[in-house]
Each structure stands twice: as structure tokens, then as C-alpha cells.
Amino acid sequence: MEEGYAQCSQFLYGVQEKMGIMNRGVVYGLWDYEVEAEDELSFREGDCMTILRREDQEETQWWWARCGDKEGYIPRNLLGLYLRIKPRQQTEKPSLRILCGLSN
């Protein structure tokens, strides 16, 4: 096992257990989700939602949440404590000749 794996794993499991409780229950959509049943709630990547009820005996992977003025079940595996960070677009790097002020 690689060095630091156990600590990283413990941290991530801790965050997972506290999600929907920390930050006053505020979570963010990490991906878009379209409803598949009438008791579900659609959301978009970046939408802010408040968890009103975490898992119960019937639903362990779905939480009851509010987004704006709507409420419904949302899949917890598409949620995060923070907004999703996207990698930067690679831009063309200037050549060394340009950086040094050399002409062709």
C-alpha cells in the first residue's frame, strides 16, 4: 500500500459520512441529473441544494433535498461538498524564441 493511502482514505470516508450534515446540509451537483420518477429532483452541475433528509430505511442511496422552490429525491453519488473543479484548458504555449524576444 502506498504511503499516505490510509490517511487519504480515512479523510474521504469521513467527508462522505458528513456530507449533507456539514455546511448546514448544503451540497452541490457535480454532474447534471434528469428525473426518472415523479418524486425525484432534477439538477445541473453546480446547482446548490439543501439536504432535508438523508438516507432512511427505504432509500439508502437517495436523499431528500430542496433546490430553489422544489423538493425531491436526489442520488447522493452525484453530490459534493464543494463545486466541481474543472481542469484548465491547455492554451498554446509561446515558444522560447518569442519569450526571449528573438525574431525569426
N, C-alpha and C. Protein backbone atom coordinates (compact mmCIF):
# COMPACT_ATOMS: atom_id res chain seq x y z
N MET A 1 0.85 -1.18 0.00
CA MET A 1 0.00 0.00 0.00
C MET A 1 0.90 1.24 0.00
N GLU A 2 0.53 2.22 -0.80
CA GLU A 2 1.34 3.43 -0.91
C GLU A 2 1.25 4.28 0.35
N GLU A 3 2.33 5.02 0.60
CA GLU A 3 2.40 5.90 1.75
C GLU A 3 1.29 6.96 1.68
N GLY A 4 0.60 7.16 2.78
CA GLY A 4 -0.45 8.17 2.84
C GLY A 4 -1.82 7.67 2.42
N TYR A 5 -1.90 6.44 1.88
CA TYR A 5 -3.17 5.92 1.39
C TYR A 5 -4.20 5.83 2.52
N ALA A 6 -3.80 5.29 3.66
CA ALA A 6 -4.74 5.09 4.77
C ALA A 6 -5.32 6.43 5.24
N GLN A 7 -4.46 7.45 5.37
CA GLN A 7 -4.94 8.75 5.83
C GLN A 7 -5.88 9.38 4.80
N CYS A 8 -5.53 9.27 3.54
CA CYS A 8 -6.37 9.82 2.47
C CYS A 8 -7.72 9.11 2.45
N SER A 9 -7.69 7.80 2.56
CA SER A 9 -8.91 7.01 2.55
C SER A 9 -9.80 7.38 3.73
N GLN A 10 -9.21 7.51 4.92
CA GLN A 10 -9.98 7.90 6.10
C GLN A 10 -10.62 9.27 5.92
N PHE A 11 -9.86 10.21 5.37
CA PHE A 11 -10.39 11.55 5.14
C PHE A 11 -11.58 11.51 4.19
N LEU A 12 -11.44 10.80 3.07
CA LEU A 12 -12.52 10.74 2.08
C LEU A 12 -13.77 10.07 2.63
N TYR A 13 -13.60 8.98 3.40
CA TYR A 13 -14.76 8.33 4.01
C TYR A 13 -15.42 9.25 5.03
N GLY A 14 -14.61 10.02 5.76
CA GLY A 14 -15.16 10.97 6.72
C GLY A 14 -15.99 12.04 6.05
N VAL A 15 -15.49 12.57 4.94
CA VAL A 15 -16.23 13.58 4.18
C VAL A 15 -17.54 12.99 3.67
N GLN A 16 -17.48 11.77 3.17
CA GLN A 16 -18.68 11.11 2.66
C GLN A 16 -19.73 10.96 3.76
N GLU A 17 -19.30 10.61 4.96
CA GLU A 17 -20.24 10.43 6.07
C GLU A 17 -20.85 11.75 6.54
N LYS A 18 -20.11 12.84 6.40
CA LYS A 18 -20.57 14.14 6.88
C LYS A 18 -21.33 14.94 5.83
N MET A 19 -21.26 14.50 4.58
CA MET A 19 -21.94 15.23 3.51
C MET A 19 -23.45 15.24 3.78
N GLY A 20 -24.05 16.37 3.60
CA GLY A 20 -25.48 16.51 3.90
C GLY A 20 -25.73 16.94 5.32
N ILE A 21 -24.67 16.96 6.14
CA ILE A 21 -24.75 17.43 7.52
C ILE A 21 -23.90 18.69 7.66
N MET A 22 -22.66 18.61 7.17
CA MET A 22 -21.76 19.78 7.21
C MET A 22 -22.35 20.91 6.38
N ASN A 23 -21.87 22.11 6.61
CA ASN A 23 -22.29 23.29 5.83
C ASN A 23 -23.81 23.47 5.83
N ARG A 24 -24.43 23.16 6.97
CA ARG A 24 -25.89 23.29 7.11
C ARG A 24 -26.65 22.46 6.08
N GLY A 25 -26.07 21.36 5.67
CA GLY A 25 -26.73 20.47 4.73
C GLY A 25 -26.61 20.88 3.28
N VAL A 26 -25.81 21.91 3.00
CA VAL A 26 -25.66 22.39 1.62
C VAL A 26 -24.70 21.48 0.86
N VAL A 27 -25.12 21.06 -0.33
CA VAL A 27 -24.30 20.26 -1.24
C VAL A 27 -24.43 20.85 -2.64
N TYR A 28 -23.57 20.39 -3.53
CA TYR A 28 -23.58 20.88 -4.91
C TYR A 28 -23.66 19.71 -5.88
N GLY A 29 -24.36 19.92 -6.97
CA GLY A 29 -24.40 18.91 -8.02
C GLY A 29 -23.06 18.88 -8.74
N LEU A 30 -22.47 17.70 -8.84
CA LEU A 30 -21.20 17.56 -9.55
C LEU A 30 -21.41 17.23 -11.02
N TRP A 31 -22.59 16.73 -11.35
CA TRP A 31 -22.98 16.42 -12.73
C TRP A 31 -24.46 16.74 -12.87
N ASP A 32 -24.94 16.82 -14.07
CA ASP A 32 -26.37 17.02 -14.33
C ASP A 32 -27.13 15.74 -14.00
N TYR A 33 -28.38 15.90 -13.56
CA TYR A 33 -29.25 14.75 -13.32
C TYR A 33 -30.67 15.10 -13.75
N GLU A 34 -31.25 14.26 -14.59
CA GLU A 34 -32.64 14.41 -15.03
C GLU A 34 -33.51 13.39 -14.30
N VAL A 35 -34.68 13.82 -13.84
CA VAL A 35 -35.56 12.92 -13.09
C VAL A 35 -35.95 11.71 -13.92
N GLU A 36 -36.12 10.60 -13.21
CA GLU A 36 -36.62 9.37 -13.82
C GLU A 36 -37.91 8.91 -13.16
N ALA A 37 -38.28 9.55 -12.05
CA ALA A 37 -39.52 9.24 -11.34
C ALA A 37 -40.09 10.55 -10.79
N GLU A 38 -41.38 10.57 -10.52
CA GLU A 38 -42.04 11.82 -10.14
C GLU A 38 -41.60 12.37 -8.78
N ASP A 39 -41.02 11.52 -7.91
CA ASP A 39 -40.58 12.02 -6.60
C ASP A 39 -39.11 12.45 -6.59
N GLU A 40 -38.48 12.52 -7.76
CA GLU A 40 -37.09 12.92 -7.86
C GLU A 40 -36.96 14.39 -8.24
N LEU A 41 -35.76 14.92 -8.08
CA LEU A 41 -35.47 16.32 -8.33
C LEU A 41 -34.35 16.42 -9.36
N SER A 42 -34.61 17.13 -10.45
CA SER A 42 -33.56 17.37 -11.46
C SER A 42 -32.62 18.45 -10.95
N PHE A 43 -31.35 18.36 -11.34
CA PHE A 43 -30.40 19.43 -11.04
C PHE A 43 -29.31 19.44 -12.09
N ARG A 44 -28.58 20.53 -12.10
CA ARG A 44 -27.49 20.74 -13.05
C ARG A 44 -26.17 20.81 -12.28
N GLU A 45 -25.11 20.55 -12.99
CA GLU A 45 -23.79 20.69 -12.38
C GLU A 45 -23.66 22.10 -11.81
N GLY A 46 -23.26 22.18 -10.55
CA GLY A 46 -23.08 23.47 -9.89
C GLY A 46 -24.28 23.94 -9.10
N ASP A 47 -25.46 23.30 -9.28
CA ASP A 47 -26.64 23.70 -8.50
C ASP A 47 -26.39 23.47 -7.02
N CYS A 48 -26.83 24.43 -6.22
CA CYS A 48 -26.73 24.36 -4.77
C CYS A 48 -28.04 23.78 -4.24
N MET A 49 -27.93 22.75 -3.39
CA MET A 49 -29.11 22.11 -2.82
C MET A 49 -28.93 21.96 -1.32
N THR A 50 -30.04 21.89 -0.61
CA THR A 50 -30.01 21.66 0.83
C THR A 50 -30.62 20.30 1.11
N ILE A 51 -29.87 19.47 1.83
CA ILE A 51 -30.37 18.14 2.19
C ILE A 51 -31.33 18.29 3.36
N LEU A 52 -32.54 17.82 3.18
CA LEU A 52 -33.56 17.89 4.22
C LEU A 52 -33.66 16.58 4.99
N ARG A 53 -33.36 15.47 4.30
CA ARG A 53 -33.40 14.15 4.95
C ARG A 53 -32.41 13.24 4.25
N ARG A 54 -31.49 12.71 5.03
CA ARG A 54 -30.54 11.76 4.46
C ARG A 54 -31.21 10.39 4.39
N GLU A 55 -30.45 9.40 4.07
CA GLU A 55 -30.98 8.05 3.86
C GLU A 55 -31.93 7.60 4.96
N ASP A 56 -32.89 6.78 4.57
CA ASP A 56 -33.81 6.17 5.53
C ASP A 56 -33.86 4.67 5.23
N GLN A 57 -34.79 3.95 5.83
CA GLN A 57 -34.85 2.50 5.66
C GLN A 57 -35.14 2.10 4.22
N GLU A 58 -35.90 2.91 3.52
CA GLU A 58 -36.27 2.57 2.14
C GLU A 58 -35.25 3.06 1.12
N GLU A 59 -34.68 4.22 1.34
CA GLU A 59 -33.76 4.83 0.38
C GLU A 59 -32.41 5.08 1.04
N THR A 60 -31.40 4.28 0.70
CA THR A 60 -30.08 4.47 1.28
C THR A 60 -29.15 5.26 0.36
N GLN A 61 -29.42 5.26 -0.93
CA GLN A 61 -28.56 5.96 -1.88
C GLN A 61 -29.18 7.26 -2.39
N TRP A 62 -30.36 7.58 -1.90
CA TRP A 62 -31.08 8.78 -2.34
C TRP A 62 -31.41 9.63 -1.12
N TRP A 63 -31.21 10.94 -1.24
CA TRP A 63 -31.52 11.86 -0.16
C TRP A 63 -32.61 12.82 -0.62
N TRP A 64 -33.43 13.27 0.34
CA TRP A 64 -34.49 14.24 0.05
C TRP A 64 -33.88 15.63 0.17
N ALA A 65 -34.04 16.44 -0.86
CA ALA A 65 -33.39 17.75 -0.90
C ALA A 65 -34.29 18.82 -1.47
N ARG A 66 -33.86 20.06 -1.26
CA ARG A 66 -34.54 21.22 -1.84
C ARG A 66 -33.55 21.95 -2.74
N CYS A 67 -34.03 22.31 -3.92
CA CYS A 67 -33.25 23.13 -4.85
C CYS A 67 -34.19 24.24 -5.31
N GLY A 68 -33.95 25.46 -4.86
CA GLY A 68 -34.89 26.54 -5.15
C GLY A 68 -36.19 26.30 -4.41
N ASP A 69 -37.30 26.27 -5.14
CA ASP A 69 -38.60 26.03 -4.50
C ASP A 69 -39.11 24.62 -4.72
N LYS A 70 -38.24 23.72 -5.21
CA LYS A 70 -38.65 22.34 -5.48
C LYS A 70 -37.95 21.38 -4.53
N GLU A 71 -38.63 20.26 -4.24
CA GLU A 71 -38.07 19.22 -3.38
C GLU A 71 -38.22 17.87 -4.05
N GLY A 72 -37.31 16.95 -3.72
CA GLY A 72 -37.39 15.60 -4.24
C GLY A 72 -36.15 14.81 -3.89
N TYR A 73 -36.17 13.53 -4.28
CA TYR A 73 -35.02 12.67 -4.05
C TYR A 73 -33.92 12.99 -5.06
N ILE A 74 -32.67 12.95 -4.58
CA ILE A 74 -31.51 13.13 -5.45
C ILE A 74 -30.51 12.02 -5.16
N PRO A 75 -29.79 11.54 -6.17
CA PRO A 75 -28.80 10.48 -5.95
C PRO A 75 -27.55 11.05 -5.27
N ARG A 76 -27.21 10.50 -4.13
CA ARG A 76 -26.11 11.07 -3.34
C ARG A 76 -24.75 10.92 -4.00
N ASN A 77 -24.60 9.98 -4.92
CA ASN A 77 -23.30 9.78 -5.56
C ASN A 77 -22.98 10.86 -6.59
N LEU A 78 -23.90 11.78 -6.87
CA LEU A 78 -23.64 12.88 -7.80
C LEU A 78 -23.45 14.21 -7.08
N LEU A 79 -23.24 14.14 -5.76
CA LEU A 79 -23.16 15.34 -4.94
C LEU A 79 -21.76 15.55 -4.38
N GLY A 80 -21.45 16.80 -4.06
CA GLY A 80 -20.19 17.13 -3.42
C GLY A 80 -20.37 18.26 -2.43
N LEU A 81 -19.41 18.38 -1.51
CA LEU A 81 -19.44 19.47 -0.54
C LEU A 81 -19.09 20.81 -1.18
N TYR A 82 -18.38 20.74 -2.29
CA TYR A 82 -17.91 21.94 -2.97
C TYR A 82 -18.21 21.82 -4.46
N LEU A 83 -18.17 22.92 -5.15
CA LEU A 83 -18.35 22.91 -6.60
C LEU A 83 -17.26 22.08 -7.25
N ARG A 84 -17.58 21.47 -8.35
CA ARG A 84 -16.62 20.66 -9.09
C ARG A 84 -15.57 21.56 -9.73
N ILE A 85 -14.32 21.19 -9.56
CA ILE A 85 -13.22 21.95 -10.15
C ILE A 85 -12.85 21.28 -11.46
N LYS A 86 -12.91 22.05 -12.52
CA LYS A 86 -12.59 21.51 -13.84
C LYS A 86 -11.15 21.85 -14.19
N PRO A 87 -10.48 20.95 -14.90
CA PRO A 87 -9.11 21.25 -15.33
C PRO A 87 -9.11 22.41 -16.31
N ARG A 88 -8.05 23.18 -16.27
CA ARG A 88 -7.92 24.30 -17.21
C ARG A 88 -7.71 23.79 -18.61
N GLN A 89 -8.18 24.57 -19.56
CA GLN A 89 -7.94 24.28 -20.97
C GLN A 89 -6.48 24.59 -21.26
N GLN A 90 -5.81 23.69 -21.93
CA GLN A 90 -4.43 23.94 -22.32
C GLN A 90 -4.42 24.98 -23.44
N THR A 91 -3.68 26.02 -23.24
CA THR A 91 -3.53 27.01 -24.30
C THR A 91 -2.17 26.80 -24.94
N GLU A 92 -2.05 27.26 -26.14
CA GLU A 92 -0.77 27.10 -26.83
C GLU A 92 0.29 27.91 -26.10
N LYS A 93 1.39 27.25 -25.77
CA LYS A 93 2.47 27.91 -25.05
C LYS A 93 3.32 28.69 -26.05
N PRO A 94 3.71 29.91 -25.67
CA PRO A 94 4.58 30.67 -26.56
C PRO A 94 5.94 29.99 -26.66
N SER A 95 6.53 30.09 -27.80
CA SER A 95 7.85 29.46 -27.99
C SER A 95 8.91 30.22 -27.21
N LEU A 96 10.00 29.55 -26.96
CA LEU A 96 11.12 30.15 -26.25
C LEU A 96 11.64 31.37 -27.01
N ARG A 97 11.62 31.32 -28.33
CA ARG A 97 12.10 32.44 -29.15
C ARG A 97 11.25 33.68 -28.90
N ILE A 98 9.94 33.51 -28.80
CA ILE A 98 9.06 34.65 -28.56
C ILE A 98 9.27 35.20 -27.15
N LEU A 99 9.39 34.29 -26.17
CA LEU A 99 9.59 34.72 -24.79
C LEU A 99 10.88 35.51 -24.62
N CYS A 100 11.90 35.15 -25.37
CA CYS A 100 13.20 35.81 -25.26
C CYS A 100 13.31 37.03 -26.17
N GLY A 101 12.26 37.33 -26.93
CA GLY A 101 12.27 38.50 -27.79
C GLY A 101 13.08 38.32 -29.06
N LEU A 102 13.30 37.07 -29.45
CA LEU A 102 14.06 36.81 -30.68
C LEU A 102 13.11 36.75 -31.86
N SER A 103 13.52 37.29 -32.96
CA SER A 103 12.68 37.22 -34.16
C SER A 103 13.10 36.04 -35.00
N ASN A 104 12.27 35.68 -35.96
CA ASN A 104 12.56 34.53 -36.83
C ASN A 104 13.75 34.77 -37.66
